[in-house]
Amino acid sequence: MAEIAQKLTSREIQFTYEDYLLLPDDGKRYEIIEGELFMTPAPVTKHQNILIALGKHLFDFVEKNKLGVVFLAPYDVILSKTNVVQPDIVYVSHKNRHIITEKNIQGSPDLTVEIISANTRECDTVLKKKLYARFEVKEYWIVFPDEEKIEIWQLQNKNFVLTEEFQKSDLLTTSLLPGLQIPLKEVFRSLDDYFKK
């Protein structure tokens, strides 16, 4: 997710999904985590390049193997009345098809992916990791653009355990999606790479 520039509430106020629906359509992304409202400005270029490249690889694999569906942000995932997030990438298997509605996801996806920035590091690596574990998301990928690495966290006994860490030179694989192989050199491309002839 792009930079979380501003925390908009104090602990005394509990925001809900109903409050969330009243927020302005101002180009910013809003999320509610444990009743607190967070505002996220538009993502930066590097974030978007990674989002599209990683999302395309994941989407193509899931589509080809008819495993379910992949969504890219912005797309609401409602975990509870006071927990509404917009992960950068979400995968929902056929088994969990029932959580997908015409407007959003209502329940826990199989996989969530967050692309961090300096301003989202704590939220993505601490708050959201705890949140996704509590709501039993099976797997959580944390993408570190500056370090050009991806951590794979898998749910074990209701807690996330770091099971893999992949670098730019690696092929990303996961037991959640057997057969998936994503060459991370294609995910962590520089902007100049897109303009080479």
N, C-alpha and C. Protein backbone atom coordinates (compact mmCIF):
# COMPACT_ATOMS: atom_id res chain seq x y z
N MET A 1 0.83 -1.16 0.00
CA MET A 1 0.00 0.00 0.00
C MET A 1 0.89 1.24 0.00
N ALA A 2 0.42 2.35 -0.54
CA ALA A 2 1.20 3.58 -0.60
C ALA A 2 1.36 4.17 0.79
N GLU A 3 1.94 5.34 0.86
CA GLU A 3 2.29 5.94 2.14
C GLU A 3 1.08 6.27 3.00
N ILE A 4 1.14 5.88 4.25
CA ILE A 4 0.10 6.32 5.19
C ILE A 4 0.60 7.63 5.76
N ALA A 5 0.04 8.72 5.27
CA ALA A 5 0.55 10.03 5.60
C ALA A 5 -0.06 10.58 6.87
N GLN A 6 -1.23 10.10 7.19
CA GLN A 6 -1.91 10.76 8.28
C GLN A 6 -2.84 9.79 8.99
N LYS A 7 -2.72 9.75 10.29
CA LYS A 7 -3.67 8.99 11.10
C LYS A 7 -4.75 9.99 11.50
N LEU A 8 -5.98 9.70 11.16
CA LEU A 8 -7.03 10.71 11.26
C LEU A 8 -7.84 10.67 12.54
N THR A 9 -7.62 9.70 13.38
CA THR A 9 -8.49 9.59 14.55
C THR A 9 -7.70 9.35 15.82
N SER A 10 -8.39 9.47 16.92
CA SER A 10 -7.81 9.10 18.21
C SER A 10 -8.48 7.82 18.67
N ARG A 11 -7.94 7.19 19.69
CA ARG A 11 -8.45 5.91 20.18
C ARG A 11 -9.87 6.01 20.75
N GLU A 12 -10.31 7.22 21.11
CA GLU A 12 -11.63 7.34 21.71
C GLU A 12 -12.74 7.11 20.68
N ILE A 13 -12.44 7.34 19.40
CA ILE A 13 -13.45 7.20 18.36
C ILE A 13 -13.29 5.84 17.70
N GLN A 14 -14.39 5.10 17.59
CA GLN A 14 -14.38 3.81 16.90
C GLN A 14 -15.10 3.98 15.57
N PHE A 15 -14.35 4.00 14.50
CA PHE A 15 -14.95 4.09 13.18
C PHE A 15 -15.46 2.71 12.75
N THR A 16 -16.54 2.72 12.00
CA THR A 16 -17.14 1.48 11.50
C THR A 16 -17.24 1.54 9.98
N TYR A 17 -17.67 0.45 9.40
CA TYR A 17 -17.84 0.41 7.95
C TYR A 17 -18.89 1.43 7.50
N GLU A 18 -19.91 1.66 8.31
CA GLU A 18 -20.93 2.66 7.97
C GLU A 18 -20.30 4.05 7.87
N ASP A 19 -19.39 4.39 8.79
CA ASP A 19 -18.67 5.67 8.73
C ASP A 19 -17.80 5.72 7.48
N TYR A 20 -17.16 4.62 7.20
CA TYR A 20 -16.26 4.50 6.05
C TYR A 20 -16.99 4.84 4.75
N LEU A 21 -18.23 4.40 4.63
CA LEU A 21 -19.01 4.65 3.42
C LEU A 21 -19.33 6.13 3.22
N LEU A 22 -19.23 6.92 4.28
CA LEU A 22 -19.52 8.35 4.21
C LEU A 22 -18.29 9.19 3.87
N LEU A 23 -17.12 8.56 3.78
CA LEU A 23 -15.90 9.31 3.49
C LEU A 23 -15.91 9.84 2.06
N PRO A 24 -15.22 10.98 1.83
CA PRO A 24 -15.24 11.58 0.49
C PRO A 24 -14.50 10.74 -0.54
N ASP A 25 -14.93 10.85 -1.78
CA ASP A 25 -14.23 10.21 -2.90
C ASP A 25 -13.22 11.23 -3.41
N ASP A 26 -12.09 11.33 -2.71
CA ASP A 26 -11.12 12.39 -2.97
C ASP A 26 -9.80 11.88 -3.54
N GLY A 27 -9.78 10.65 -4.02
CA GLY A 27 -8.56 10.11 -4.60
C GLY A 27 -7.62 9.48 -3.59
N LYS A 28 -7.94 9.62 -2.31
CA LYS A 28 -7.12 9.00 -1.27
C LYS A 28 -7.75 7.67 -0.90
N ARG A 29 -6.93 6.81 -0.30
CA ARG A 29 -7.45 5.52 0.16
C ARG A 29 -7.59 5.58 1.68
N TYR A 30 -8.71 5.10 2.14
CA TYR A 30 -8.98 5.06 3.58
C TYR A 30 -9.09 3.62 4.02
N GLU A 31 -8.64 3.36 5.24
CA GLU A 31 -8.77 2.04 5.85
C GLU A 31 -9.14 2.22 7.31
N ILE A 32 -9.82 1.23 7.85
CA ILE A 32 -10.12 1.21 9.28
C ILE A 32 -9.46 -0.03 9.86
N ILE A 33 -8.59 0.20 10.84
CA ILE A 33 -7.90 -0.90 11.52
C ILE A 33 -8.19 -0.79 13.00
N GLU A 34 -8.88 -1.78 13.53
CA GLU A 34 -9.27 -1.80 14.95
C GLU A 34 -10.00 -0.51 15.33
N GLY A 35 -10.87 -0.04 14.43
CA GLY A 35 -11.68 1.15 14.71
C GLY A 35 -10.99 2.47 14.45
N GLU A 36 -9.72 2.46 14.08
CA GLU A 36 -9.00 3.69 13.77
C GLU A 36 -8.98 3.92 12.27
N LEU A 37 -9.19 5.18 11.88
CA LEU A 37 -9.23 5.53 10.47
C LEU A 37 -7.85 5.99 10.02
N PHE A 38 -7.38 5.42 8.90
CA PHE A 38 -6.10 5.79 8.31
C PHE A 38 -6.35 6.29 6.89
N MET A 39 -5.62 7.36 6.51
CA MET A 39 -5.71 7.90 5.16
C MET A 39 -4.42 7.60 4.43
N THR A 40 -4.54 7.20 3.17
CA THR A 40 -3.39 6.87 2.35
C THR A 40 -3.44 7.68 1.06
N PRO A 41 -2.42 8.50 0.79
CA PRO A 41 -2.41 9.22 -0.49
C PRO A 41 -2.17 8.26 -1.65
N ALA A 42 -2.28 8.79 -2.84
CA ALA A 42 -2.07 7.96 -4.04
C ALA A 42 -0.69 7.32 -4.01
N PRO A 43 -0.56 6.09 -4.51
CA PRO A 43 0.72 5.38 -4.52
C PRO A 43 1.74 6.06 -5.43
N VAL A 44 3.02 5.81 -5.15
CA VAL A 44 4.11 6.35 -5.97
C VAL A 44 4.40 5.41 -7.13
N THR A 45 5.20 5.88 -8.07
CA THR A 45 5.48 5.14 -9.31
C THR A 45 6.05 3.75 -9.05
N LYS A 46 7.06 3.65 -8.20
CA LYS A 46 7.70 2.35 -7.93
C LYS A 46 6.68 1.35 -7.38
N HIS A 47 5.86 1.82 -6.48
CA HIS A 47 4.80 0.99 -5.89
C HIS A 47 3.89 0.45 -6.99
N GLN A 48 3.46 1.32 -7.89
CA GLN A 48 2.54 0.91 -8.94
C GLN A 48 3.17 -0.08 -9.91
N ASN A 49 4.44 0.14 -10.25
CA ASN A 49 5.13 -0.81 -11.14
C ASN A 49 5.17 -2.20 -10.52
N ILE A 50 5.50 -2.26 -9.23
CA ILE A 50 5.56 -3.55 -8.53
C ILE A 50 4.17 -4.17 -8.44
N LEU A 51 3.18 -3.35 -8.10
CA LEU A 51 1.80 -3.83 -7.99
C LEU A 51 1.33 -4.48 -9.29
N ILE A 52 1.55 -3.80 -10.39
CA ILE A 52 1.08 -4.32 -11.68
C ILE A 52 1.85 -5.59 -12.07
N ALA A 53 3.17 -5.57 -11.92
CA ALA A 53 3.98 -6.73 -12.32
C ALA A 53 3.65 -7.96 -11.46
N LEU A 54 3.63 -7.78 -10.14
CA LEU A 54 3.34 -8.90 -9.24
C LEU A 54 1.89 -9.37 -9.42
N GLY A 55 0.98 -8.41 -9.52
CA GLY A 55 -0.42 -8.74 -9.71
C GLY A 55 -0.66 -9.51 -11.00
N LYS A 56 0.03 -9.12 -12.07
CA LYS A 56 -0.13 -9.80 -13.36
C LYS A 56 0.35 -11.25 -13.27
N HIS A 57 1.52 -11.47 -12.68
CA HIS A 57 2.02 -12.85 -12.53
C HIS A 57 1.05 -13.70 -11.72
N LEU A 58 0.58 -13.15 -10.61
CA LEU A 58 -0.34 -13.89 -9.75
C LEU A 58 -1.67 -14.14 -10.46
N PHE A 59 -2.20 -13.09 -11.09
CA PHE A 59 -3.47 -13.22 -11.81
C PHE A 59 -3.38 -14.27 -12.92
N ASP A 60 -2.32 -14.20 -13.71
CA ASP A 60 -2.16 -15.14 -14.83
C ASP A 60 -2.11 -16.59 -14.33
N PHE A 61 -1.37 -16.83 -13.24
CA PHE A 61 -1.26 -18.18 -12.70
C PHE A 61 -2.61 -18.69 -12.17
N VAL A 62 -3.27 -17.85 -11.40
CA VAL A 62 -4.56 -18.24 -10.81
C VAL A 62 -5.60 -18.47 -11.91
N GLU A 63 -5.61 -17.59 -12.91
CA GLU A 63 -6.55 -17.71 -14.02
C GLU A 63 -6.28 -18.98 -14.85
N LYS A 64 -5.03 -19.19 -15.20
CA LYS A 64 -4.65 -20.35 -16.02
C LYS A 64 -5.02 -21.67 -15.34
N ASN A 65 -4.84 -21.72 -14.04
CA ASN A 65 -5.11 -22.95 -13.28
C ASN A 65 -6.50 -23.00 -12.66
N LYS A 66 -7.30 -21.98 -12.95
CA LYS A 66 -8.68 -21.91 -12.47
C LYS A 66 -8.78 -22.15 -10.96
N LEU A 67 -7.97 -21.36 -10.22
CA LEU A 67 -7.88 -21.54 -8.77
C LEU A 67 -8.78 -20.60 -7.98
N GLY A 68 -9.26 -19.54 -8.63
CA GLY A 68 -10.05 -18.54 -7.93
C GLY A 68 -9.93 -17.21 -8.64
N VAL A 69 -9.75 -16.14 -7.86
CA VAL A 69 -9.68 -14.80 -8.45
C VAL A 69 -8.68 -13.94 -7.68
N VAL A 70 -8.07 -12.99 -8.40
CA VAL A 70 -7.12 -12.04 -7.83
C VAL A 70 -7.67 -10.64 -8.04
N PHE A 71 -7.61 -9.81 -7.01
CA PHE A 71 -8.03 -8.41 -7.09
C PHE A 71 -6.85 -7.51 -6.75
N LEU A 72 -6.80 -6.34 -7.40
CA LEU A 72 -5.81 -5.32 -7.09
C LEU A 72 -6.50 -4.14 -6.43
N ALA A 73 -5.76 -3.43 -5.57
CA ALA A 73 -6.29 -2.24 -4.91
C ALA A 73 -6.59 -1.17 -5.95
N PRO A 74 -7.55 -0.31 -5.66
CA PRO A 74 -8.35 -0.28 -4.44
C PRO A 74 -9.54 -1.22 -4.50
N TYR A 75 -9.68 -2.02 -3.47
CA TYR A 75 -10.80 -2.96 -3.36
C TYR A 75 -10.99 -3.26 -1.88
N ASP A 76 -12.19 -3.01 -1.38
CA ASP A 76 -12.45 -3.15 0.05
C ASP A 76 -12.52 -4.61 0.48
N VAL A 77 -11.82 -4.88 1.58
CA VAL A 77 -11.90 -6.17 2.26
C VAL A 77 -12.44 -5.88 3.65
N ILE A 78 -13.66 -6.34 3.91
CA ILE A 78 -14.31 -6.09 5.20
C ILE A 78 -14.11 -7.32 6.07
N LEU A 79 -13.22 -7.19 7.04
CA LEU A 79 -12.94 -8.28 7.97
C LEU A 79 -13.92 -8.29 9.13
N SER A 80 -14.34 -7.09 9.52
CA SER A 80 -15.35 -6.92 10.57
C SER A 80 -15.89 -5.51 10.45
N LYS A 81 -16.83 -5.17 11.30
CA LYS A 81 -17.44 -3.84 11.27
C LYS A 81 -16.40 -2.73 11.48
N THR A 82 -15.36 -3.02 12.26
CA THR A 82 -14.34 -2.00 12.57
C THR A 82 -12.98 -2.30 11.94
N ASN A 83 -12.96 -3.17 10.94
CA ASN A 83 -11.71 -3.50 10.23
C ASN A 83 -11.99 -3.62 8.74
N VAL A 84 -11.72 -2.53 8.03
CA VAL A 84 -11.93 -2.46 6.58
C VAL A 84 -10.61 -2.03 5.96
N VAL A 85 -10.03 -2.89 5.14
CA VAL A 85 -8.71 -2.63 4.57
C VAL A 85 -8.77 -2.74 3.04
N GLN A 86 -7.72 -2.22 2.42
CA GLN A 86 -7.56 -2.32 0.97
C GLN A 86 -6.17 -2.86 0.68
N PRO A 87 -5.97 -4.15 0.82
CA PRO A 87 -4.65 -4.71 0.51
C PRO A 87 -4.30 -4.42 -0.95
N ASP A 88 -3.01 -4.36 -1.23
CA ASP A 88 -2.59 -4.10 -2.60
C ASP A 88 -3.03 -5.21 -3.54
N ILE A 89 -2.91 -6.45 -3.10
CA ILE A 89 -3.33 -7.61 -3.89
C ILE A 89 -4.05 -8.58 -2.97
N VAL A 90 -5.12 -9.18 -3.49
CA VAL A 90 -5.91 -10.15 -2.73
C VAL A 90 -6.17 -11.36 -3.62
N TYR A 91 -6.01 -12.55 -3.06
CA TYR A 91 -6.37 -13.78 -3.77
C TYR A 91 -7.44 -14.50 -2.96
N VAL A 92 -8.51 -14.91 -3.66
CA VAL A 92 -9.58 -15.68 -3.04
C VAL A 92 -9.74 -16.97 -3.83
N SER A 93 -9.65 -18.10 -3.15
CA SER A 93 -9.77 -19.41 -3.79
C SER A 93 -11.24 -19.75 -4.05
N HIS A 94 -11.46 -20.76 -4.88
CA HIS A 94 -12.83 -21.23 -5.14
C HIS A 94 -13.55 -21.58 -3.84
N LYS A 95 -12.82 -22.19 -2.92
CA LYS A 95 -13.41 -22.60 -1.64
C LYS A 95 -14.03 -21.42 -0.90
N ASN A 96 -13.44 -20.24 -1.06
CA ASN A 96 -13.92 -19.05 -0.35
C ASN A 96 -14.71 -18.09 -1.24
N ARG A 97 -15.17 -18.57 -2.36
CA ARG A 97 -15.93 -17.73 -3.32
C ARG A 97 -17.07 -16.98 -2.64
N HIS A 98 -17.67 -17.59 -1.63
CA HIS A 98 -18.83 -17.00 -0.96
C HIS A 98 -18.54 -15.67 -0.28
N ILE A 99 -17.29 -15.30 -0.05
CA ILE A 99 -16.98 -14.03 0.62
C ILE A 99 -16.96 -12.85 -0.36
N ILE A 100 -17.03 -13.13 -1.66
CA ILE A 100 -16.98 -12.07 -2.66
C ILE A 100 -18.40 -11.62 -2.98
N THR A 101 -18.65 -10.31 -2.81
CA THR A 101 -19.95 -9.73 -3.15
C THR A 101 -19.78 -8.83 -4.38
N GLU A 102 -20.85 -8.22 -4.81
CA GLU A 102 -20.76 -7.31 -5.96
C GLU A 102 -19.94 -6.07 -5.64
N LYS A 103 -19.82 -5.69 -4.37
CA LYS A 103 -19.13 -4.46 -4.00
C LYS A 103 -17.78 -4.66 -3.34
N ASN A 104 -17.56 -5.81 -2.69
CA ASN A 104 -16.35 -5.97 -1.88
C ASN A 104 -16.17 -7.44 -1.48
N ILE A 105 -15.17 -7.64 -0.65
CA ILE A 105 -14.96 -8.95 -0.01
C ILE A 105 -15.42 -8.82 1.43
N GLN A 106 -16.23 -9.76 1.89
CA GLN A 106 -16.69 -9.75 3.27
C GLN A 106 -16.24 -11.03 3.94
N GLY A 107 -15.04 -10.97 4.50
CA GLY A 107 -14.44 -12.13 5.12
C GLY A 107 -12.95 -12.15 4.83
N SER A 108 -12.32 -13.26 5.16
CA SER A 108 -10.86 -13.37 5.05
C SER A 108 -10.44 -14.01 3.73
N PRO A 109 -9.66 -13.28 2.92
CA PRO A 109 -9.12 -13.88 1.70
C PRO A 109 -8.08 -14.94 2.04
N ASP A 110 -7.70 -15.73 1.06
CA ASP A 110 -6.64 -16.72 1.25
C ASP A 110 -5.28 -16.05 1.36
N LEU A 111 -5.09 -14.98 0.59
CA LEU A 111 -3.80 -14.29 0.52
C LEU A 111 -4.02 -12.80 0.45
N THR A 112 -3.23 -12.04 1.24
CA THR A 112 -3.16 -10.60 1.09
C THR A 112 -1.71 -10.22 0.86
N VAL A 113 -1.52 -9.17 0.06
CA VAL A 113 -0.18 -8.67 -0.26
C VAL A 113 -0.17 -7.17 0.00
N GLU A 114 0.84 -6.71 0.72
CA GLU A 114 1.04 -5.28 0.95
C GLU A 114 2.42 -4.88 0.46
N ILE A 115 2.48 -3.78 -0.27
CA ILE A 115 3.74 -3.20 -0.75
C ILE A 115 4.03 -2.02 0.15
N ILE A 116 5.11 -2.09 0.91
CA ILE A 116 5.35 -1.07 1.92
C ILE A 116 6.12 0.13 1.36
N SER A 117 6.05 1.22 2.11
CA SER A 117 6.89 2.39 1.91
C SER A 117 7.39 2.78 3.29
N ALA A 118 8.21 3.80 3.34
CA ALA A 118 8.74 4.24 4.63
C ALA A 118 7.60 4.57 5.60
N ASN A 119 6.54 5.17 5.08
CA ASN A 119 5.43 5.59 5.94
C ASN A 119 4.44 4.48 6.26
N THR A 120 4.51 3.35 5.56
CA THR A 120 3.57 2.26 5.85
C THR A 120 4.24 1.08 6.53
N ARG A 121 5.54 1.17 6.74
CA ARG A 121 6.29 0.03 7.27
C ARG A 121 5.68 -0.51 8.56
N GLU A 122 5.44 0.35 9.53
CA GLU A 122 4.90 -0.12 10.82
C GLU A 122 3.49 -0.68 10.65
N CYS A 123 2.67 0.01 9.89
CA CYS A 123 1.30 -0.46 9.69
C CYS A 123 1.29 -1.82 9.01
N ASP A 124 2.07 -1.97 7.94
CA ASP A 124 2.06 -3.21 7.16
C ASP A 124 2.77 -4.36 7.87
N THR A 125 3.85 -4.07 8.58
CA THR A 125 4.63 -5.15 9.20
C THR A 125 4.18 -5.49 10.61
N VAL A 126 3.42 -4.61 11.24
CA VAL A 126 2.96 -4.88 12.61
C VAL A 126 1.43 -4.94 12.67
N LEU A 127 0.77 -3.80 12.43
CA LEU A 127 -0.69 -3.74 12.60
C LEU A 127 -1.43 -4.70 11.68
N LYS A 128 -1.12 -4.63 10.39
CA LYS A 128 -1.85 -5.48 9.44
C LYS A 128 -1.47 -6.95 9.60
N LYS A 129 -0.23 -7.20 9.94
CA LYS A 129 0.17 -8.60 10.15
C LYS A 129 -0.63 -9.21 11.30
N LYS A 130 -0.78 -8.47 12.39
CA LYS A 130 -1.59 -8.95 13.52
C LYS A 130 -3.05 -9.09 13.11
N LEU A 131 -3.54 -8.10 12.38
CA LEU A 131 -4.94 -8.11 11.95
C LEU A 131 -5.23 -9.31 11.05
N TYR A 132 -4.40 -9.52 10.04
CA TYR A 132 -4.63 -10.63 9.11
C TYR A 132 -4.51 -11.98 9.82
N ALA A 133 -3.61 -12.08 10.77
CA ALA A 133 -3.50 -13.33 11.54
C ALA A 133 -4.75 -13.56 12.38
N ARG A 134 -5.22 -12.50 13.02
CA ARG A 134 -6.42 -12.62 13.86
C ARG A 134 -7.63 -13.08 13.05
N PHE A 135 -7.70 -12.62 11.81
CA PHE A 135 -8.84 -12.99 10.96
C PHE A 135 -8.52 -14.20 10.07
N GLU A 136 -7.42 -14.87 10.37
CA GLU A 136 -7.04 -16.15 9.76
C GLU A 136 -6.89 -16.12 8.24
N VAL A 137 -6.25 -15.04 7.76
CA VAL A 137 -5.81 -15.02 6.36
C VAL A 137 -4.69 -16.06 6.29
N LYS A 138 -4.74 -16.96 5.32
CA LYS A 138 -3.78 -18.08 5.28
C LYS A 138 -2.35 -17.64 5.04
N GLU A 139 -2.19 -16.62 4.19
CA GLU A 139 -0.83 -16.21 3.84
C GLU A 139 -0.79 -14.70 3.60
N TYR A 140 0.34 -14.10 4.01
CA TYR A 140 0.54 -12.66 3.90
C TYR A 140 1.91 -12.42 3.30
N TRP A 141 1.94 -11.70 2.18
CA TRP A 141 3.21 -11.32 1.56
C TRP A 141 3.47 -9.86 1.87
N ILE A 142 4.68 -9.56 2.33
CA ILE A 142 5.09 -8.18 2.54
C ILE A 142 6.20 -7.88 1.54
N VAL A 143 5.95 -6.89 0.69
CA VAL A 143 6.88 -6.52 -0.38
C VAL A 143 7.65 -5.28 0.06
N PHE A 144 8.98 -5.38 -0.01
CA PHE A 144 9.88 -4.29 0.37
C PHE A 144 10.54 -3.75 -0.90
N PRO A 145 10.00 -2.68 -1.49
CA PRO A 145 10.54 -2.18 -2.76
C PRO A 145 12.00 -1.75 -2.70
N ASP A 146 12.40 -1.05 -1.66
CA ASP A 146 13.78 -0.55 -1.58
C ASP A 146 14.77 -1.69 -1.40
N GLU A 147 14.42 -2.69 -0.62
CA GLU A 147 15.30 -3.84 -0.41
C GLU A 147 15.16 -4.89 -1.51
N GLU A 148 14.15 -4.71 -2.36
CA GLU A 148 13.85 -5.64 -3.45
C GLU A 148 13.73 -7.08 -2.94
N LYS A 149 12.83 -7.23 -1.96
CA LYS A 149 12.59 -8.56 -1.39
C LYS A 149 11.12 -8.71 -1.03
N ILE A 150 10.70 -9.97 -0.90
CA ILE A 150 9.34 -10.29 -0.48
C ILE A 150 9.41 -11.34 0.62
N GLU A 151 8.72 -11.04 1.73
CA GLU A 151 8.59 -12.00 2.83
C GLU A 151 7.26 -12.73 2.69
N ILE A 152 7.28 -14.03 2.91
CA ILE A 152 6.07 -14.85 2.91
C ILE A 152 5.79 -15.27 4.35
N TRP A 153 4.65 -14.86 4.87
CA TRP A 153 4.21 -15.21 6.22
C TRP A 153 3.03 -16.15 6.10
N GLN A 154 3.11 -17.31 6.73
CA GLN A 154 2.02 -18.28 6.68
C GLN A 154 1.41 -18.46 8.06
N LEU A 155 0.09 -18.64 8.07
CA LEU A 155 -0.63 -18.81 9.32
C LEU A 155 -0.40 -20.20 9.88
N GLN A 156 0.08 -20.24 11.12
CA GLN A 156 0.29 -21.50 11.83
C GLN A 156 -0.17 -21.30 13.27
N ASN A 157 -1.16 -22.06 13.69
CA ASN A 157 -1.71 -21.93 15.05
C ASN A 157 -2.14 -20.50 15.36
N LYS A 158 -2.83 -19.88 14.39
CA LYS A 158 -3.40 -18.54 14.52
C LYS A 158 -2.36 -17.43 14.64
N ASN A 159 -1.12 -17.71 14.28
CA ASN A 159 -0.06 -16.69 14.23
C ASN A 159 0.69 -16.83 12.92
N PHE A 160 1.21 -15.70 12.43
CA PHE A 160 2.02 -15.76 11.22
C PHE A 160 3.45 -16.15 11.55
N VAL A 161 3.99 -17.02 10.71
CA VAL A 161 5.38 -17.46 10.82
C VAL A 161 6.05 -17.13 9.49
N LEU A 162 7.22 -16.50 9.56
CA LEU A 162 7.98 -16.20 8.35
C LEU A 162 8.51 -17.51 7.79
N THR A 163 8.02 -17.90 6.61
CA THR A 163 8.42 -19.18 6.04
C THR A 163 9.40 -19.03 4.89
N GLU A 164 9.38 -17.90 4.22
CA GLU A 164 10.29 -17.68 3.09
C GLU A 164 10.62 -16.20 2.98
N GLU A 165 11.81 -15.93 2.45
CA GLU A 165 12.21 -14.57 2.10
C GLU A 165 12.90 -14.64 0.75
N PHE A 166 12.33 -13.94 -0.22
CA PHE A 166 12.85 -14.00 -1.59
C PHE A 166 13.47 -12.67 -1.99
N GLN A 167 14.59 -12.74 -2.70
CA GLN A 167 15.31 -11.57 -3.21
C GLN A 167 15.01 -11.41 -4.69
N LYS A 168 15.46 -10.29 -5.26
CA LYS A 168 15.21 -9.97 -6.67
C LYS A 168 15.69 -11.08 -7.61
N SER A 169 16.75 -11.77 -7.27
CA SER A 169 17.30 -12.80 -8.16
C SER A 169 16.58 -14.15 -8.04
N ASP A 170 15.61 -14.25 -7.12
CA ASP A 170 14.93 -15.52 -6.85
C ASP A 170 13.65 -15.71 -7.66
N LEU A 171 13.19 -16.97 -7.67
CA LEU A 171 11.85 -17.31 -8.14
C LEU A 171 10.98 -17.45 -6.90
N LEU A 172 9.92 -16.66 -6.81
CA LEU A 172 9.02 -16.75 -5.66
C LEU A 172 8.13 -17.98 -5.84
N THR A 173 8.08 -18.80 -4.81
CA THR A 173 7.20 -19.97 -4.77
C THR A 173 6.50 -20.00 -3.42
N THR A 174 5.38 -20.71 -3.36
CA THR A 174 4.66 -20.84 -2.10
C THR A 174 3.82 -22.11 -2.10
N SER A 175 3.71 -22.72 -0.94
CA SER A 175 2.89 -23.93 -0.82
C SER A 175 1.40 -23.62 -0.96
N LEU A 176 1.02 -22.36 -0.77
CA LEU A 176 -0.38 -21.98 -0.94
C LEU A 176 -0.83 -22.16 -2.39
N LEU A 177 0.10 -21.90 -3.31
CA LEU A 177 -0.19 -22.00 -4.75
C LEU A 177 0.87 -22.88 -5.41
N PRO A 178 0.77 -24.20 -5.25
CA PRO A 178 1.78 -25.10 -5.81
C PRO A 178 1.94 -24.89 -7.32
N GLY A 179 3.19 -24.79 -7.75
CA GLY A 179 3.48 -24.58 -9.16
C GLY A 179 3.73 -23.13 -9.52
N LEU A 180 3.33 -22.20 -8.66
CA LEU A 180 3.59 -20.78 -8.92
C LEU A 180 5.08 -20.52 -8.87
N GLN A 181 5.59 -19.83 -9.88
CA GLN A 181 6.99 -19.41 -9.91
C GLN A 181 7.03 -18.01 -10.51
N ILE A 182 7.33 -17.02 -9.66
CA ILE A 182 7.39 -15.64 -10.13
C ILE A 182 8.84 -15.18 -10.12
N PRO A 183 9.41 -14.87 -11.30
CA PRO A 183 10.77 -14.35 -11.35
C PRO A 183 10.77 -12.90 -10.84
N LEU A 184 11.34 -12.70 -9.66
CA LEU A 184 11.25 -11.39 -9.04
C LEU A 184 12.03 -10.31 -9.77
N LYS A 185 12.95 -10.70 -10.64
CA LYS A 185 13.64 -9.68 -11.45
C LYS A 185 12.63 -8.99 -12.37
N GLU A 186 11.51 -9.66 -12.68
CA GLU A 186 10.46 -9.04 -13.49
C GLU A 186 9.52 -8.18 -12.64
N VAL A 187 9.53 -8.39 -11.36
CA VAL A 187 8.69 -7.60 -10.44
C VAL A 187 9.42 -6.33 -10.01
N PHE A 188 10.70 -6.45 -9.71
CA PHE A 188 11.49 -5.32 -9.23
C PHE A 188 12.27 -4.66 -10.37
N ARG A 189 11.59 -4.36 -11.46
CA ARG A 189 12.23 -3.68 -12.59
C ARG A 189 12.30 -2.19 -12.31
N SER A 190 13.33 -1.55 -12.85
CA SER A 190 13.43 -0.09 -12.72
C SER A 190 12.52 0.55 -13.77
N LEU A 191 12.19 1.79 -13.56
CA LEU A 191 11.36 2.52 -14.51
C LEU A 191 12.02 2.55 -15.89
N ASP A 192 13.34 2.71 -15.91
CA ASP A 192 14.07 2.75 -17.19
C ASP A 192 13.91 1.45 -17.98
N ASP A 193 13.78 0.33 -17.28
CA ASP A 193 13.60 -0.96 -17.97
C ASP A 193 12.36 -0.97 -18.86
N TYR A 194 11.34 -0.22 -18.47
CA TYR A 194 10.10 -0.19 -19.25
C TYR A 194 10.25 0.58 -20.56
N PHE A 195 11.29 1.40 -20.65
CA PHE A 195 11.46 2.24 -21.83
C PHE A 195 12.59 1.78 -22.74
N LYS A 196 13.21 0.66 -22.38
CA LYS A 196 14.27 0.12 -23.24
C LYS A 196 13.66 -0.52 -24.47
N LYS A 197 14.33 -0.34 -25.61
CA LYS A 197 13.83 -0.92 -26.87
C LYS A 197 14.52 -2.22 -27.15
